[in-house]
C-alpha atoms as a PDB file:
ATOM      1  CA  UNK A   1     -69.752 115.923  -1.618  1.00  0.00           C
ATOM      2  CA  UNK A   2     -67.256 113.937   0.471  1.00  0.00           C
ATOM      3  CA  UNK A   3     -67.411 116.442   3.257  1.00  0.00           C
ATOM      4  CA  UNK A   4     -70.893 116.692   3.229  1.00  0.00           C
ATOM      5  CA  UNK A   5     -70.929 113.007   4.074  1.00  0.00           C
ATOM      6  CA  UNK A   6     -68.548 113.285   6.961  1.00  0.00           C
ATOM      7  CA  UNK A   7     -70.302 116.098   8.639  1.00  0.00           C
ATOM      8  CA  UNK A   8     -73.457 113.595   8.039  1.00  0.00           C
ATOM      9  CA  UNK A   9     -71.388 110.481  10.138  1.00  0.00           C
ATOM     10  CA  UNK A  10     -70.218 112.888  12.615  1.00  0.00           C
ATOM     11  CA  UNK A  11     -74.093 114.353  12.857  1.00  0.00           C
ATOM     12  CA  UNK A  12     -75.362 110.728  13.294  1.00  0.00           C
ATOM     13  CA  UNK A  13     -72.707 109.673  15.734  1.00  0.00           C
ATOM     14  CA  UNK A  14     -73.806 112.585  17.979  1.00  0.00           C
ATOM     15  CA  UNK A  15     -77.353 111.958  17.989  1.00  0.00           C
ATOM     16  CA  UNK A  16     -76.718 108.110  18.523  1.00  0.00           C
ATOM     17  CA  UNK A  17     -74.308 108.811  21.417  1.00  0.00           C
ATOM     18  CA  UNK A  18     -76.186 111.298  23.016  1.00  0.00           C
ATOM     19  CA  UNK A  19     -79.592 109.008  23.055  1.00  0.00           C
ATOM     20  CA  UNK A  20     -77.382 106.367  24.437  1.00  0.00           C
ATOM     21  CA  UNK A  21     -76.013 108.096  27.370  1.00  0.00           C
ATOM     22  CA  UNK A  22     -79.552 109.558  27.790  1.00  0.00           C
ATOM     23  CA  UNK A  23     -80.700 105.769  28.383  1.00  0.00           C
ATOM     24  CA  UNK A  24     -77.590 104.579  30.359  1.00  0.00           C
ATOM     25  CA  UNK A  25     -77.655 107.613  32.709  1.00  0.00           C
ATOM     26  CA  UNK A  26     -74.592 108.119  35.309  1.00  0.00           C
ATOM     27  CA  UNK A  27     -74.598 104.046  35.947  1.00  0.00           C
ATOM     28  CA  UNK A  28     -75.556 101.625  38.090  1.00  0.00           C
ATOM     29  CA  UNK A  29     -76.458 103.096  41.457  1.00  0.00           C
ATOM     30  CA  UNK A  30     -75.888 101.008  44.798  1.00  0.00           C
ATOM     31  CA  UNK A  31     -78.034 100.456  47.643  1.00  0.00           C
ATOM     32  CA  UNK A  32     -77.241 102.904  50.415  1.00  0.00           C
ATOM     33  CA  UNK A  33     -75.214 102.517  53.138  1.00  0.00           C
ATOM     34  CA  UNK A  34     -76.012 102.660  56.543  1.00  0.00           C
ATOM     35  CA  UNK A  35     -73.512 102.082  59.429  1.00  0.00           C
ATOM     36  CA  UNK A  36     -74.431 100.581  62.788  1.00  0.00           C
ATOM     37  CA  UNK A  37     -73.006 103.149  65.000  1.00  0.00           C
ATOM     38  CA  UNK A  38     -74.207 106.815  63.271  1.00  0.00           C
ATOM     39  CA  UNK A  39     -72.498 110.179  65.428  1.00  0.00           C
ATOM     40  CA  UNK A  40     -75.622 111.938  67.366  1.00  0.00           C
ATOM     41  CA  UNK A  41     -73.670 115.349  66.615  1.00  0.00           C
ATOM     42  CA  UNK A  42     -70.897 117.399  66.732  1.00  0.00           C
ATOM     43  CA  UNK A  43     -70.476 120.594  69.171  1.00  0.00           C
ATOM     44  CA  UNK A  44     -71.833 122.819  66.425  1.00  0.00           C
ATOM     45  CA  UNK A  45     -74.206 120.537  64.774  1.00  0.00           C
ATOM     46  CA  UNK A  46     -76.679 118.380  65.830  1.00  0.00           C
ATOM     47  CA  UNK A  47     -78.186 115.249  63.777  1.00  0.00           C
ATOM     48  CA  UNK A  48     -81.562 115.075  63.038  1.00  0.00           C
ATOM     49  CA  UNK A  49     -81.943 110.837  62.271  1.00  0.00           C
ATOM     50  CA  UNK A  50     -84.496 109.150  60.902  1.00  0.00           C
ATOM     51  CA  UNK A  51     -84.930 105.579  62.085  1.00  0.00           C
ATOM     52  CA  UNK A  52     -84.381 102.684  59.700  1.00  0.00           C
ATOM     53  CA  UNK A  53     -87.297 100.936  58.358  1.00  0.00           C
END
């Protein structure tokens, strides 16, 4: 009887933890950070940058 109650408690705690993690997600994300001067490319790479709106 005691093992059943322990198993039931663990199961319900896992359900609550999974539910809370699904609501919270990975955390609060900040707005994107834009630099004033962005690189235009490298000798091997060319960046195609969109204009800020």
